[in-house]
PDB file of N, CA and C in Angstrom:
ATOM      1  N   MET A   1      83.078 184.149 130.210  1.00  0.00           N
ATOM      2  CA  MET A   1      83.863 185.299 129.769  1.00  0.00           C
ATOM      3  C   MET A   1      84.173 186.199 131.022  1.00  0.00           C
ATOM      4  N   LEU A   2      85.389 186.470 131.136  1.00  0.00           N
ATOM      5  CA  LEU A   2      85.966 187.244 132.179  1.00  0.00           C
ATOM      6  C   LEU A   2      85.619 188.770 132.020  1.00  0.00           C
ATOM      7  N   SER A   3      85.315 189.433 133.229  1.00  0.00           N
ATOM      8  CA  SER A   3      85.031 190.797 133.162  1.00  0.00           C
ATOM      9  C   SER A   3      86.218 191.550 132.841  1.00  0.00           C
ATOM     10  N   CYS A   4      86.199 192.456 131.980  1.00  0.00           N
ATOM     11  CA  CYS A   4      87.344 193.325 131.509  1.00  0.00           C
ATOM     12  C   CYS A   4      87.935 194.045 132.602  1.00  0.00           C
ATOM     13  N   THR A   5      87.137 194.526 133.627  1.00  0.00           N
ATOM     14  CA  THR A   5      87.643 195.279 134.745  1.00  0.00           C
ATOM     15  C   THR A   5      88.594 194.495 135.589  1.00  0.00           C
ATOM     16  N   HIS A   6      88.358 193.208 135.733  1.00  0.00           N
ATOM     17  CA  HIS A   6      89.133 192.427 136.479  1.00  0.00           C
ATOM     18  C   HIS A   6      90.588 192.126 135.877  1.00  0.00           C
ATOM     19  N   VAL A   7      90.713 192.206 134.600  1.00  0.00           N
ATOM     20  CA  VAL A   7      91.998 192.051 134.032  1.00  0.00           C
ATOM     21  C   VAL A   7      92.748 193.316 134.274  1.00  0.00           C
ATOM     22  N   LEU A   8      92.201 194.496 134.532  1.00  0.00           N
ATOM     23  CA  LEU A   8      92.936 195.623 134.780  1.00  0.00           C
ATOM     24  C   LEU A   8      93.555 195.643 135.986  1.00  0.00           C
ATOM     25  N   TYR A   9      93.101 194.806 137.024  1.00  0.00           N
ATOM     26  CA  TYR A   9      93.743 194.822 138.390  1.00  0.00           C
ATOM     27  C   TYR A   9      94.653 193.651 138.636  1.00  0.00           C
ATOM     28  N   TYR A  10      94.648 192.626 137.705  1.00  0.00           N
ATOM     29  CA  TYR A  10      95.570 191.577 137.845  1.00  0.00           C
ATOM     30  C   TYR A  10      96.342 191.424 136.460  1.00  0.00           C
ATOM     31  N   TYR A  11      97.603 191.605 136.467  1.00  0.00           N
ATOM     32  CA  TYR A  11      98.248 191.522 135.257  1.00  0.00           C
ATOM     33  C   TYR A  11      99.761 191.105 135.396  1.00  0.00           C
ATOM     34  N   ILE A  12     100.392 190.630 134.374  1.00  0.00           N
ATOM     35  CA  ILE A  12     101.857 190.326 134.236  1.00  0.00           C
ATOM     36  C   ILE A  12     102.454 191.536 133.759  1.00  0.00           C
ATOM     37  N   SER A  13     103.349 192.222 134.381  1.00  0.00           N
ATOM     38  CA  SER A  13     103.931 193.444 133.959  1.00  0.00           C
ATOM     39  C   SER A  13     104.875 193.294 132.845  1.00  0.00           C
ATOM     40  N   GLY A  14     105.339 192.196 132.610  1.00  0.00           N
ATOM     41  CA  GLY A  14     106.501 192.109 131.492  1.00  0.00           C
ATOM     42  C   GLY A  14     107.905 192.214 132.236  1.00  0.00           C
ATOM     43  N   GLY A  15     108.001 192.711 133.529  1.00  0.00           N
ATOM     44  CA  GLY A  15     109.114 192.780 134.329  1.00  0.00           C
ATOM     45  C   GLY A  15     109.539 191.355 134.723  1.00  0.00           C
ATOM     46  N   LYS A  16     110.892 191.226 135.033  1.00  0.00           N
ATOM     47  CA  LYS A  16     111.284 189.993 135.590  1.00  0.00           C
ATOM     48  C   LYS A  16     112.057 190.261 136.946  1.00  0.00           C
ATOM     49  N   ALA A  17     112.106 189.308 137.809  1.00  0.00           N
ATOM     50  CA  ALA A  17     112.989 189.453 139.079  1.00  0.00           C
ATOM     51  C   ALA A  17     114.419 189.084 138.609  1.00  0.00           C
ATOM     52  N   LYS A  18     115.193 189.358 139.429  1.00  0.00           N
ATOM     53  CA  LYS A  18     116.658 189.133 139.204  1.00  0.00           C
ATOM     54  C   LYS A  18     117.025 187.695 138.676  1.00  0.00           C
ATOM     55  N   ASN A  19     116.176 186.704 139.196  1.00  0.00           N
ATOM     56  CA  ASN A  19     116.405 185.307 138.705  1.00  0.00           C
ATOM     57  C   ASN A  19     115.526 184.945 137.611  1.00  0.00           C
ATOM     58  N   GLY A  20     114.955 185.972 136.833  1.00  0.00           N
ATOM     59  CA  GLY A  20     114.187 185.609 135.699  1.00  0.00           C
ATOM     60  C   GLY A  20     112.763 185.292 135.939  1.00  0.00           C
ATOM     61  N   ALA A  21     112.230 185.191 137.138  1.00  0.00           N
ATOM     62  CA  ALA A  21     110.879 185.011 137.425  1.00  0.00           C
ATOM     63  C   ALA A  21     109.988 186.173 137.001  1.00  0.00           C
ATOM     64  N   PRO A  22     108.831 185.816 136.381  1.00  0.00           N
ATOM     65  CA  PRO A  22     107.916 186.704 135.924  1.00  0.00           C
ATOM     66  C   PRO A  22     107.248 187.467 137.125  1.00  0.00           C
ATOM     67  N   ILE A  23     106.779 188.756 136.980  1.00  0.00           N
ATOM     68  CA  ILE A  23     106.115 189.457 138.096  1.00  0.00           C
ATOM     69  C   ILE A  23     104.745 189.626 137.757  1.00  0.00           C
ATOM     70  N   LEU A  24     103.938 189.156 138.679  1.00  0.00           N
ATOM     71  CA  LEU A  24     102.505 189.280 138.609  1.00  0.00           C
ATOM     72  C   LEU A  24     101.977 190.349 139.583  1.00  0.00           C
ATOM     73  N   ILE A  25     101.137 191.230 139.041  1.00  0.00           N
ATOM     74  CA  ILE A  25     100.775 192.313 140.027  1.00  0.00           C
ATOM     75  C   ILE A  25      99.409 192.323 140.220  1.00  0.00           C
ATOM     76  N   PHE A  26      98.892 192.368 141.494  1.00  0.00           N
ATOM     77  CA  PHE A  26      97.594 192.599 141.879  1.00  0.00           C
ATOM     78  C   PHE A  26      97.588 194.046 142.317  1.00  0.00           C
ATOM     79  N   ALA A  27      96.963 194.829 141.403  1.00  0.00           N
ATOM     80  CA  ALA A  27      96.893 196.332 141.611  1.00  0.00           C
ATOM     81  C   ALA A  27      95.833 196.716 142.617  1.00  0.00           C
ATOM     82  N   ASP A  28      95.927 197.844 143.268  1.00  0.00           N
ATOM     83  CA  ASP A  28      94.969 198.402 144.276  1.00  0.00           C
ATOM     84  C   ASP A  28      93.784 198.615 143.461  1.00  0.00           C
ATOM     85  N   ARG A  29      92.614 198.302 144.112  1.00  0.00           N
ATOM     86  CA  ARG A  29      91.249 198.536 143.378  1.00  0.00           C
ATOM     87  C   ARG A  29      90.321 198.934 144.436  1.00  0.00           C
ATOM     88  N   PRO A  30      90.435 200.174 144.950  1.00  0.00           N
ATOM     89  CA  PRO A  30      89.476 200.686 145.880  1.00  0.00           C
ATOM     90  C   PRO A  30      88.083 200.792 145.382  1.00  0.00           C
ATOM     91  N   ASN A  31      87.112 200.414 146.175  1.00  0.00           N
ATOM     92  CA  ASN A  31      85.664 200.615 145.900  1.00  0.00           C
ATOM     93  C   ASN A  31      85.213 199.691 144.858  1.00  0.00           C
ATOM     94  N   GLU A  32      86.042 198.682 144.651  1.00  0.00           N
ATOM     95  CA  GLU A  32      85.640 197.639 143.614  1.00  0.00           C
ATOM     96  C   GLU A  32      85.322 196.371 144.375  1.00  0.00           C
ATOM     97  N   PRO A  33      84.320 195.664 144.001  1.00  0.00           N
ATOM     98  CA  PRO A  33      83.870 194.487 144.725  1.00  0.00           C
ATOM     99  C   PRO A  33      84.885 193.352 144.470  1.00  0.00           C
ATOM    100  N   GLU A  34      85.011 192.372 145.522  1.00  0.00           N
ATOM    101  CA  GLU A  34      85.971 191.320 145.385  1.00  0.00           C
ATOM    102  C   GLU A  34      85.595 190.397 144.214  1.00  0.00           C
ATOM    103  N   VAL A  35      86.703 189.932 143.588  1.00  0.00           N
ATOM    104  CA  VAL A  35      86.556 189.050 142.423  1.00  0.00           C
ATOM    105  C   VAL A  35      86.070 187.606 142.903  1.00  0.00           C
ATOM    106  N   PRO A  36      85.001 187.066 142.396  1.00  0.00           N
ATOM    107  CA  PRO A  36      84.438 185.839 142.790  1.00  0.00           C
ATOM    108  C   PRO A  36      85.561 184.767 142.502  1.00  0.00           C
ATOM    109  N   ASP A  37      85.613 183.753 143.309  1.00  0.00           N
ATOM    110  CA  ASP A  37      86.577 182.696 143.153  1.00  0.00           C
ATOM    111  C   ASP A  37      86.697 182.032 141.970  1.00  0.00           C
ATOM    112  N   GLU A  38      85.592 181.787 141.087  1.00  0.00           N
ATOM    113  CA  GLU A  38      85.557 181.162 139.767  1.00  0.00           C
ATOM    114  C   GLU A  38      86.208 182.118 138.826  1.00  0.00           C
ATOM    115  N   GLU A  39      85.971 183.408 138.863  1.00  0.00           N
ATOM    116  CA  GLU A  39      86.492 184.229 137.960  1.00  0.00           C
ATOM    117  C   GLU A  39      88.047 184.461 138.165  1.00  0.00           C
ATOM    118  N   TYR A  40      88.446 184.442 139.526  1.00  0.00           N
ATOM    119  CA  TYR A  40      89.813 184.571 139.879  1.00  0.00           C
ATOM    120  C   TYR A  40      90.518 183.416 139.358  1.00  0.00           C
ATOM    121  N   LYS A  41      90.078 182.118 139.510  1.00  0.00           N
ATOM    122  CA  LYS A  41      90.770 180.969 139.034  1.00  0.00           C
ATOM    123  C   LYS A  41      90.927 181.027 137.540  1.00  0.00           C
ATOM    124  N   LYS A  42      89.895 181.460 136.725  1.00  0.00           N
ATOM    125  CA  LYS A  42      89.987 181.618 135.297  1.00  0.00           C
ATOM    126  C   LYS A  42      91.099 182.699 134.932  1.00  0.00           C
ATOM    127  N   LEU A  43      91.116 183.739 135.596  1.00  0.00           N
ATOM    128  CA  LEU A  43      91.884 184.769 135.212  1.00  0.00           C
ATOM    129  C   LEU A  43      93.429 184.468 135.590  1.00  0.00           C
ATOM    130  N   ILE A  44      93.671 183.871 136.707  1.00  0.00           N
ATOM    131  CA  ILE A  44      94.960 183.397 137.087  1.00  0.00           C
ATOM    132  C   ILE A  44      95.512 182.268 136.241  1.00  0.00           C
ATOM    133  N   THR A  45      94.596 181.326 135.972  1.00  0.00           N
ATOM    134  CA  THR A  45      95.019 180.215 134.945  1.00  0.00           C
ATOM    135  C   THR A  45      95.431 180.832 133.526  1.00  0.00           C
ATOM    136  N   TYR A  46      94.495 181.853 133.052  1.00  0.00           N
ATOM    137  CA  TYR A  46      94.969 182.423 131.910  1.00  0.00           C
ATOM    138  C   TYR A  46      96.319 183.101 131.940  1.00  0.00           C
ATOM    139  N   LEU A  47      96.486 183.916 133.054  1.00  0.00           N
ATOM    140  CA  LEU A  47      97.829 184.628 133.071  1.00  0.00           C
ATOM    141  C   LEU A  47      99.021 183.724 133.175  1.00  0.00           C
ATOM    142  N   CYS A  48      98.816 182.522 133.879  1.00  0.00           N
ATOM    143  CA  CYS A  48      99.895 181.620 133.990  1.00  0.00           C
ATOM    144  C   CYS A  48      99.997 180.846 132.500  1.00  0.00           C
ATOM    145  N   SER A  49      98.973 180.687 131.854  1.00  0.00           N
ATOM    146  CA  SER A  49      99.111 180.070 130.566  1.00  0.00           C
ATOM    147  C   SER A  49      99.775 180.779 129.464  1.00  0.00           C
ATOM    148  N   ILE A  50      99.833 182.221 129.466  1.00  0.00           N
ATOM    149  CA  ILE A  50     100.515 182.892 128.643  1.00  0.00           C
ATOM    150  C   ILE A  50     101.955 183.138 128.951  1.00  0.00           C
ATOM    151  N   THR A  51     102.377 182.660 129.986  1.00  0.00           N
ATOM    152  CA  THR A  51     103.899 182.801 130.408  1.00  0.00           C
ATOM    153  C   THR A  51     104.614 181.537 129.805  1.00  0.00           C
ATOM    154  N   LEU A  52     105.809 181.896 129.406  1.00  0.00           N
ATOM    155  CA  LEU A  52     106.721 180.840 128.766  1.00  0.00           C
ATOM    156  C   LEU A  52     106.954 179.666 129.878  1.00  0.00           C
ATOM    157  N   ARG A  53     107.015 178.567 129.412  1.00  0.00           N
ATOM    158  CA  ARG A  53     107.075 177.403 130.156  1.00  0.00           C
ATOM    159  C   ARG A  53     108.416 177.514 131.173  1.00  0.00           C
ATOM    160  N   ALA A  54     109.455 177.935 130.629  1.00  0.00           N
ATOM    161  CA  ALA A  54     110.848 178.116 131.418  1.00  0.00           C
ATOM    162  C   ALA A  54     110.593 179.155 132.533  1.00  0.00           C
ATOM    163  N   GLU A  55     109.877 180.206 132.242  1.00  0.00           N
ATOM    164  CA  GLU A  55     109.695 181.165 133.331  1.00  0.00           C
ATOM    165  C   GLU A  55     108.821 180.656 134.349  1.00  0.00           C
ATOM    166  N   LYS A  56     107.659 179.949 134.036  1.00  0.00           N
ATOM    167  CA  LYS A  56     106.752 179.242 134.946  1.00  0.00           C
ATOM    168  C   LYS A  56     107.535 178.434 135.946  1.00  0.00           C
ATOM    169  N   GLU A  57     108.445 177.659 135.312  1.00  0.00           N
ATOM    170  CA  GLU A  57     109.149 176.666 136.332  1.00  0.00           C
ATOM    171  C   GLU A  57     109.955 177.394 137.348  1.00  0.00           C
ATOM    172  N   THR A  58     110.451 178.556 137.119  1.00  0.00           N
ATOM    173  CA  THR A  58     111.251 179.238 138.138  1.00  0.00           C
ATOM    174  C   THR A  58     110.252 179.707 139.283  1.00  0.00           C
ATOM    175  N   GLY A  59     108.965 179.890 138.962  1.00  0.00           N
ATOM    176  CA  GLY A  59     108.034 180.490 139.868  1.00  0.00           C
ATOM    177  C   GLY A  59     107.744 182.033 139.649  1.00  0.00           C
ATOM    178  N   PHE A  60     106.730 182.373 140.238  1.00  0.00           N
ATOM    179  CA  PHE A  60     106.344 183.827 140.057  1.00  0.00           C
ATOM    180  C   PHE A  60     106.574 184.669 141.327  1.00  0.00           C
ATOM    181  N   VAL A  61     106.889 185.901 141.071  1.00  0.00           N
ATOM    182  CA  VAL A  61     107.021 186.884 142.102  1.00  0.00           C
ATOM    183  C   VAL A  61     105.764 187.685 142.102  1.00  0.00           C
ATOM    184  N   VAL A  62     105.039 187.814 143.135  1.00  0.00           N
ATOM    185  CA  VAL A  62     103.705 188.464 143.166  1.00  0.00           C
ATOM    186  C   VAL A  62     103.806 189.840 143.952  1.00  0.00           C
ATOM    187  N   VAL A  63     103.251 190.852 143.450  1.00  0.00           N
ATOM    188  CA  VAL A  63     103.228 192.188 144.074  1.00  0.00           C
ATOM    189  C   VAL A  63     101.724 192.367 144.284  1.00  0.00           C
ATOM    190  N   ILE A  64     101.340 192.647 145.659  1.00  0.00           N
ATOM    191  CA  ILE A  64     100.044 192.921 145.976  1.00  0.00           C
ATOM    192  C   ILE A  64      99.986 194.307 146.498  1.00  0.00           C
ATOM    193  N   ASP A  65      99.155 195.189 145.928  1.00  0.00           N
ATOM    194  CA  ASP A  65      98.889 196.506 146.414  1.00  0.00           C
ATOM    195  C   ASP A  65      97.613 196.569 147.072  1.00  0.00           C
ATOM    196  N   ARG A  66      97.605 196.745 148.420  1.00  0.00           N
ATOM    197  CA  ARG A  66      96.375 196.935 149.097  1.00  0.00           C
ATOM    198  C   ARG A  66      96.378 198.030 150.002  1.00  0.00           C
ATOM    199  N   ARG A  67      97.090 199.105 149.607  1.00  0.00           N
ATOM    200  CA  ARG A  67      97.283 200.407 150.517  1.00  0.00           C
ATOM    201  C   ARG A  67      96.038 201.119 150.869  1.00  0.00           C
ATOM    202  N   ASN A  68      95.100 200.979 149.952  1.00  0.00           N
ATOM    203  CA  ASN A  68      93.777 201.736 150.167  1.00  0.00           C
ATOM    204  C   ASN A  68      92.692 200.611 150.578  1.00  0.00           C
ATOM    205  N   ASP A  69      92.970 199.608 151.087  1.00  0.00           N
ATOM    206  CA  ASP A  69      92.051 198.491 151.464  1.00  0.00           C
ATOM    207  C   ASP A  69      92.198 198.101 152.943  1.00  0.00           C
ATOM    208  N   GLY A  70      91.485 197.340 153.553  1.00  0.00           N
ATOM    209  CA  GLY A  70      91.598 196.792 154.770  1.00  0.00           C
ATOM    210  C   GLY A  70      92.356 195.491 154.874  1.00  0.00           C
ATOM    211  N   TRP A  71      92.668 195.059 156.072  1.00  0.00           N
ATOM    212  CA  TRP A  71      93.420 193.789 156.416  1.00  0.00           C
ATOM    213  C   TRP A  71      92.582 192.629 155.924  1.00  0.00           C
ATOM    214  N   GLY A  72      91.285 192.737 155.883  1.00  0.00           N
ATOM    215  CA  GLY A  72      90.507 191.607 155.441  1.00  0.00           C
ATOM    216  C   GLY A  72      90.662 191.195 153.936  1.00  0.00           C
ATOM    217  N   ALA A  73      90.816 192.425 153.139  1.00  0.00           N
ATOM    218  CA  ALA A  73      91.072 192.126 151.669  1.00  0.00           C
ATOM    219  C   ALA A  73      92.565 191.629 151.442  1.00  0.00           C
ATOM    220  N   VAL A  74      93.498 191.948 152.318  1.00  0.00           N
ATOM    221  CA  VAL A  74      94.892 191.300 152.199  1.00  0.00           C
ATOM    222  C   VAL A  74      94.733 189.900 152.552  1.00  0.00           C
ATOM    223  N   ARG A  75      94.127 189.520 153.603  1.00  0.00           N
ATOM    224  CA  ARG A  75      93.986 188.043 153.962  1.00  0.00           C
ATOM    225  C   ARG A  75      93.432 187.388 152.892  1.00  0.00           C
ATOM    226  N   SER A  76      92.258 187.895 152.255  1.00  0.00           N
ATOM    227  CA  SER A  76      91.543 187.175 151.225  1.00  0.00           C
ATOM    228  C   SER A  76      92.356 187.014 150.015  1.00  0.00           C
ATOM    229  N   ILE A  77      93.096 187.908 149.590  1.00  0.00           N
ATOM    230  CA  ILE A  77      93.898 187.637 148.353  1.00  0.00           C
ATOM    231  C   ILE A  77      95.026 186.783 148.641  1.00  0.00           C
ATOM    232  N   LEU A  78      95.591 186.783 149.777  1.00  0.00           N
ATOM    233  CA  LEU A  78      96.733 185.895 150.054  1.00  0.00           C
ATOM    234  C   LEU A  78      96.219 184.367 150.181  1.00  0.00           C
ATOM    235  N   LEU A  79      95.031 184.157 150.778  1.00  0.00           N
ATOM    236  CA  LEU A  79      94.546 182.860 150.821  1.00  0.00           C
ATOM    237  C   LEU A  79      94.035 182.370 149.448  1.00  0.00           C
ATOM    238  N   LYS A  80      93.622 183.280 148.606  1.00  0.00           N
ATOM    239  CA  LYS A  80      93.217 182.903 147.309  1.00  0.00           C
ATOM    240  C   LYS A  80      94.470 182.474 146.439  1.00  0.00           C
ATOM    241  N   ILE A  81      95.457 183.216 146.591  1.00  0.00           N
ATOM    242  CA  ILE A  81      96.803 182.837 145.814  1.00  0.00           C
ATOM    243  C   ILE A  81      97.205 181.563 146.331  1.00  0.00           C
ATOM    244  N   SER A  82      97.318 181.348 147.665  1.00  0.00           N
ATOM    245  CA  SER A  82      97.793 180.089 148.198  1.00  0.00           C
ATOM    246  C   SER A  82      96.828 178.919 147.771  1.00  0.00           C
ATOM    247  N   GLY A  83      95.463 179.058 147.747  1.00  0.00           N
ATOM    248  CA  GLY A  83      94.702 178.019 147.425  1.00  0.00           C
ATOM    249  C   GLY A  83      94.466 177.761 145.903  1.00  0.00           C
ATOM    250  N   PHE A  84      94.495 178.734 144.971  1.00  0.00           N
ATOM    251  CA  PHE A  84      94.074 178.582 143.670  1.00  0.00           C
ATOM    252  C   PHE A  84      95.254 178.858 142.618  1.00  0.00           C
ATOM    253  N   PHE A  85      96.419 179.336 143.015  1.00  0.00           N
ATOM    254  CA  PHE A  85      97.433 179.637 142.021  1.00  0.00           C
ATOM    255  C   PHE A  85      98.029 178.401 141.435  1.00  0.00           C
ATOM    256  N   PRO A  86      98.015 178.175 140.120  1.00  0.00           N
ATOM    257  CA  PRO A  86      98.354 176.868 139.478  1.00  0.00           C
ATOM    258  C   PRO A  86      99.916 176.742 139.247  1.00  0.00           C
ATOM    259  N   CYS A  87     100.615 177.689 139.513  1.00  0.00           N
ATOM    260  CA  CYS A  87     102.195 177.597 139.520  1.00  0.00           C
ATOM    261  C   CYS A  87     102.707 177.917 140.938  1.00  0.00           C
ATOM    262  N   HIS A  88     103.988 177.746 140.844  1.00  0.00           N
ATOM    263  CA  HIS A  88     104.779 178.042 142.029  1.00  0.00           C
ATOM    264  C   HIS A  88     104.932 179.574 142.330  1.00  0.00           C
ATOM    265  N   VAL A  89     104.751 179.995 143.491  1.00  0.00           N
ATOM    266  CA  VAL A  89     104.984 181.390 143.819  1.00  0.00           C
ATOM    267  C   VAL A  89     106.085 181.403 144.762  1.00  0.00           C
ATOM    268  N   GLN A  90     107.296 182.213 144.319  1.00  0.00           N
ATOM    269  CA  GLN A  90     108.388 182.242 145.032  1.00  0.00           C
ATOM    270  C   GLN A  90     108.183 183.185 146.225  1.00  0.00           C
ATOM    271  N   VAL A  91     107.629 184.258 146.008  1.00  0.00           N
ATOM    272  CA  VAL A  91     107.466 185.297 147.197  1.00  0.00           C
ATOM    273  C   VAL A  91     106.390 186.310 146.755  1.00  0.00           C
ATOM    274  N   ALA A  92     105.570 186.791 147.664  1.00  0.00           N
ATOM    275  CA  ALA A  92     104.668 187.794 147.442  1.00  0.00           C
ATOM    276  C   ALA A  92     105.097 189.063 148.286  1.00  0.00           C
ATOM    277  N   PHE A  93     105.212 190.152 147.593  1.00  0.00           N
ATOM    278  CA  PHE A  93     105.583 191.467 148.256  1.00  0.00           C
ATOM    279  C   PHE A  93     104.201 192.096 148.464  1.00  0.00           C
ATOM    280  N   LEU A  94     104.025 192.616 149.750  1.00  0.00           N
ATOM    281  CA  LEU A  94     102.688 193.120 150.078  1.00  0.00           C
ATOM    282  C   LEU A  94     102.873 194.639 150.397  1.00  0.00           C
ATOM    283  N   LEU A  95     102.082 195.515 149.608  1.00  0.00           N
ATOM    284  CA  LEU A  95     102.103 197.000 149.985  1.00  0.00           C
ATOM    285  C   LEU A  95     100.885 196.957 150.858  1.00  0.00           C
ATOM    286  N   GLN A  96     101.082 196.927 152.240  1.00  0.00           N
ATOM    287  CA  GLN A  96     100.016 196.861 153.165  1.00  0.00           C
ATOM    288  C   GLN A  96      99.090 198.021 153.399  1.00  0.00           C
ATOM    289  N   PRO A  97      97.888 197.922 153.947  1.00  0.00           N
ATOM    290  CA  PRO A  97      97.079 198.882 154.108  1.00  0.00           C
ATOM    291  C   PRO A  97      97.716 199.969 155.012  1.00  0.00           C
ATOM    292  N   LYS A  98      97.444 201.290 154.709  1.00  0.00           N
ATOM    293  CA  LYS A  98      97.957 202.459 155.408  1.00  0.00           C
ATOM    294  C   LYS A  98      96.822 202.790 156.410  1.00  0.00           C
ATOM    295  N   GLY A  99      97.282 203.694 157.362  1.00  0.00           N
ATOM    296  CA  GLY A  99      96.381 204.168 158.303  1.00  0.00           C
ATOM    297  C   GLY A  99      96.879 203.606 159.706  1.00  0.00           C
ATOM    298  N   PHE A 100      96.631 204.362 160.691  1.00  0.00           N
ATOM    299  CA  PHE A 100      97.195 204.036 162.034  1.00  0.00           C
ATOM    300  C   PHE A 100      96.659 202.753 162.431  1.00  0.00           C
ATOM    301  N   PHE A 101      95.309 202.578 162.367  1.00  0.00           N
ATOM    302  CA  PHE A 101      94.728 201.250 162.933  1.00  0.00           C
ATOM    303  C   PHE A 101      95.133 200.089 162.216  1.00  0.00           C
ATOM    304  N   GLN A 102      95.267 200.253 160.797  1.00  0.00           N
ATOM    305  CA  GLN A 102      95.731 199.122 159.988  1.00  0.00           C
ATOM    306  C   GLN A 102      97.215 198.723 160.282  1.00  0.00           C
ATOM    307  N   ARG A 103      97.934 199.716 160.508  1.00  0.00           N
ATOM    308  CA  ARG A 103      99.447 199.339 160.742  1.00  0.00           C
ATOM    309  C   ARG A 103      99.563 198.845 162.186  1.00  0.00           C
ATOM    310  N   ALA A 104      98.771 199.332 163.088  1.00  0.00           N
ATOM    311  CA  ALA A 104      98.907 198.828 164.441  1.00  0.00           C
ATOM    312  C   ALA A 104      98.818 197.290 164.556  1.00  0.00           C
ATOM    313  N   PHE A 105      97.889 196.719 163.698  1.00  0.00           N
ATOM    314  CA  PHE A 105      97.517 195.288 163.818  1.00  0.00           C
ATOM    315  C   PHE A 105      98.166 194.518 162.723  1.00  0.00           C
ATOM    316  N   ALA A 106      98.903 195.120 161.684  1.00  0.00           N
ATOM    317  CA  ALA A 106      99.474 194.470 160.695  1.00  0.00           C
ATOM    318  C   ALA A 106     100.469 193.323 161.053  1.00  0.00           C
ATOM    319  N   ASP A 107     101.423 193.667 161.855  1.00  0.00           N
ATOM    320  CA  ASP A 107     102.326 192.520 162.313  1.00  0.00           C
ATOM    321  C   ASP A 107     101.745 191.497 162.976  1.00  0.00           C
ATOM    322  N   PHE A 108     100.866 191.802 163.916  1.00  0.00           N
ATOM    323  CA  PHE A 108     100.202 190.771 164.646  1.00  0.00           C
ATOM    324  C   PHE A 108      99.383 189.735 163.756  1.00  0.00           C
ATOM    325  N   ARG A 109      98.515 190.405 162.786  1.00  0.00           N
ATOM    326  CA  ARG A 109      97.684 189.577 161.986  1.00  0.00           C
ATOM    327  C   ARG A 109      98.528 188.890 160.880  1.00  0.00           C
ATOM    328  N   SER A 110      99.490 189.530 160.406  1.00  0.00           N
ATOM    329  CA  SER A 110     100.219 188.896 159.293  1.00  0.00           C
ATOM    330  C   SER A 110     101.115 187.604 159.738  1.00  0.00           C
ATOM    331  N   LYS A 111     101.357 187.535 160.994  1.00  0.00           N
ATOM    332  CA  LYS A 111     102.023 186.416 161.546  1.00  0.00           C
ATOM    333  C   LYS A 111     101.182 185.112 161.412  1.00  0.00           C
ATOM    334  N   PHE A 112      99.821 185.361 161.727  1.00  0.00           N
ATOM    335  CA  PHE A 112      98.918 184.203 161.628  1.00  0.00           C
ATOM    336  C   PHE A 112      98.650 183.932 160.201  1.00  0.00           C
ATOM    337  N   VAL A 113      98.483 184.812 159.297  1.00  0.00           N
ATOM    338  CA  VAL A 113      98.241 184.523 157.945  1.00  0.00           C
ATOM    339  C   VAL A 113      99.511 183.904 157.217  1.00  0.00           C
ATOM    340  N   LYS A 114     100.715 184.406 157.537  1.00  0.00           N
ATOM    341  CA  LYS A 114     101.885 183.906 157.012  1.00  0.00           C
ATOM    342  C   LYS A 114     102.093 182.285 157.335  1.00  0.00           C
ATOM    343  N   GLU A 115     101.588 181.866 158.380  1.00  0.00           N
ATOM    344  CA  GLU A 115     101.622 180.435 158.867  1.00  0.00           C
ATOM    345  C   GLU A 115     100.787 179.714 158.017  1.00  0.00           C
ATOM    346  N   GLU A 116      99.772 180.175 157.417  1.00  0.00           N
ATOM    347  CA  GLU A 116      98.748 179.431 156.530  1.00  0.00           C
ATOM    348  C   GLU A 116      99.218 179.150 155.028  1.00  0.00           C
ATOM    349  N   LEU A 117     100.215 179.949 154.706  1.00  0.00           N
ATOM    350  CA  LEU A 117     100.715 180.143 153.254  1.00  0.00           C
ATOM    351  C   LEU A 117     101.848 179.199 152.981  1.00  0.00           C
ATOM    352  N   GLU A 118     101.929 178.874 151.615  1.00  0.00           N
ATOM    353  CA  GLU A 118     102.944 178.072 151.106  1.00  0.00           C
ATOM    354  C   GLU A 118     104.149 178.839 150.536  1.00  0.00           C
ATOM    355  N   PHE A 119     104.101 180.133 150.630  1.00  0.00           N
ATOM    356  CA  PHE A 119     105.109 181.001 150.055  1.00  0.00           C
ATOM    357  C   PHE A 119     105.376 182.098 151.020  1.00  0.00           C
ATOM    358  N   LYS A 120     106.626 182.765 150.881  1.00  0.00           N
ATOM    359  CA  LYS A 120     107.126 183.923 151.688  1.00  0.00           C
ATOM    360  C   LYS A 120     106.211 185.097 151.397  1.00  0.00           C
ATOM    361  N   VAL A 121     105.964 185.912 152.450  1.00  0.00           N
ATOM    362  CA  VAL A 121     105.265 187.160 152.297  1.00  0.00           C
ATOM    363  C   VAL A 121     106.256 188.346 152.911  1.00  0.00           C
ATOM    364  N   ARG A 122     106.550 189.337 152.057  1.00  0.00           N
ATOM    365  CA  ARG A 122     107.390 190.308 152.620  1.00  0.00           C
ATOM    366  C   ARG A 122     106.477 191.615 152.590  1.00  0.00           C
ATOM    367  N   LEU A 123     106.583 192.324 153.753  1.00  0.00           N
ATOM    368  CA  LEU A 123     105.727 193.413 153.900  1.00  0.00           C
ATOM    369  C   LEU A 123     106.589 194.677 153.545  1.00  0.00           C
TER     370      LEU A 123
END
C-alpha cells in the first residue's frame, strides 16, 4: 500500500497541454524524505494506469517544483522519471531551486543531467 502523503505530492492535475497531453505534477515537498524507488514505481504506474489510453499515447507533460529543495533532489527526480516512467514523457518543466548558490550552478549542472535523459527539460 502506498503512503497517502506521497499521493499528495505526485498527481495528475486534470489539465491538458495544448496538444492534449495530460499534465503530471511533482509538487514541492520541503522537509519530506525522498520517496523510495519501489513506492515511486507503484505510484507512477498507478497514475499512468488511470489516464485514458489516447492521452497516454501522446505522452505526458511533467511539471517538477523543487524551488525549496537542492539540486541533488532535482537530479534524483529527473533520473527517476527517466528510469521508471512507464509512458512517454514529452517534456519536463522544472521550477528550479532558488537561492544564489543554487542558481549559480543550475545551468552548469543541468547541462550534464539533460544529456542523461530521454526527454526535454525546460528550466
